[in-house]
Amino acid sequence: MVRVDGELRPTSWDHALTTVAERFAAVKAESGSDAFGMFSCSKSTNEMNYAAQKFSRIALGSNNIDSCNRT
C-alpha cells in the first residue's frame, strides 16, 4: 500500500520500494542524515541487530541507533 493524496492504495512491491527510496532521499537532502534514527529490539538476534545498525549507518548515513538492551 502507498499513500496517494491521503489515501492508501494497492501497489506493486517495485513501486512501493521505489517510493520509499525516493522519500528517504528527499528527507536526507532536506534535513540531513541526522533526521533518521533506528531502534531495534533486544529480543532480536545479534545478526538482526547488526543488520539494522549496518543499514542505518550505510544506507541512511545515521549513527542514531538504539536498542533496549538495557532492560
Protein backbone atom coordinates (compact mmCIF):
# COMPACT_ATOMS: atom_id res chain seq x y z
CA MET A 1 0.00 0.00 0.00
CA VAL A 2 1.18 3.50 -0.85
CA ARG A 3 -0.41 6.71 0.38
CA VAL A 4 -1.62 8.89 -2.52
CA ASP A 5 -3.45 12.12 -1.72
CA GLY A 6 -4.04 10.94 1.84
CA GLU A 7 -5.47 7.55 0.85
CA LEU A 8 -3.79 4.16 0.92
CA ARG A 9 -3.83 2.42 -2.44
CA PRO A 10 -2.61 -1.01 -3.50
CA THR A 11 0.64 -1.05 -5.48
CA SER A 12 3.43 -3.37 -6.61
CA TRP A 13 6.48 -4.11 -4.49
CA ASP A 14 8.71 -2.38 -7.04
CA HIS A 15 6.66 0.81 -6.88
CA ALA A 16 6.43 0.72 -3.08
CA LEU A 17 10.20 0.28 -2.64
CA THR A 18 10.93 3.00 -5.19
CA THR A 19 8.57 5.35 -3.36
CA VAL A 20 10.26 4.66 -0.01
CA ALA A 21 13.74 5.17 -1.50
CA GLU A 22 12.67 8.47 -3.10
CA ARG A 23 11.13 9.75 0.13
CA PHE A 24 14.18 8.72 2.19
CA ALA A 25 16.40 10.58 -0.31
CA ALA A 26 14.17 13.67 -0.11
CA VAL A 27 14.30 13.74 3.71
CA LYS A 28 18.07 13.22 3.65
CA ALA A 29 18.52 16.06 1.13
CA GLU A 30 16.28 18.41 3.10
CA SER A 31 17.26 17.61 6.67
CA GLY A 32 20.47 15.61 6.52
CA SER A 33 21.29 12.14 7.80
CA ASP A 34 20.59 13.08 11.42
CA ALA A 35 16.88 13.19 10.57
CA PHE A 36 16.90 9.38 10.71
CA GLY A 37 17.01 7.10 13.70
CA MET A 38 16.92 3.34 14.15
CA PHE A 39 15.52 1.46 17.11
CA SER A 40 15.99 -2.28 17.26
CA CYS A 41 14.63 -4.78 19.72
CA SER A 42 16.77 -6.54 22.31
CA LYS A 43 14.75 -9.70 21.63
CA SER A 44 16.05 -9.78 18.07
CA THR A 45 19.09 -11.88 17.26
CA ASN A 46 22.54 -10.34 17.22
CA GLU A 47 22.54 -10.83 13.47
CA MET A 48 19.30 -8.84 13.05
CA ASN A 49 20.58 -6.03 15.29
CA TYR A 50 23.85 -5.99 13.35
CA ALA A 51 21.96 -5.75 10.05
CA ALA A 52 19.83 -2.90 11.45
CA GLN A 53 22.85 -0.87 12.55
CA LYS A 54 24.63 -1.51 9.24
CA PHE A 55 21.55 -0.33 7.32
CA SER A 56 21.29 2.78 9.48
CA ARG A 57 24.96 3.68 9.14
CA ILE A 58 25.49 2.81 5.47
CA ALA A 59 22.13 3.33 3.75
CA LEU A 60 20.82 6.19 5.87
CA GLY A 61 24.15 7.68 6.94
CA SER A 62 22.98 7.98 10.54
CA ASN A 63 24.60 6.95 13.81
CA ASN A 64 21.31 7.46 15.66
CA ILE A 65 20.86 3.84 16.66
CA ASP A 66 19.45 2.45 19.90
CA SER A 67 18.15 -0.82 21.23
CA CYS A 68 16.53 -1.60 24.53
CA ASN A 69 19.37 -3.90 25.66
CA ARG A 70 19.46 -2.00 28.95
CA THR A 71 16.31 -3.70 30.19
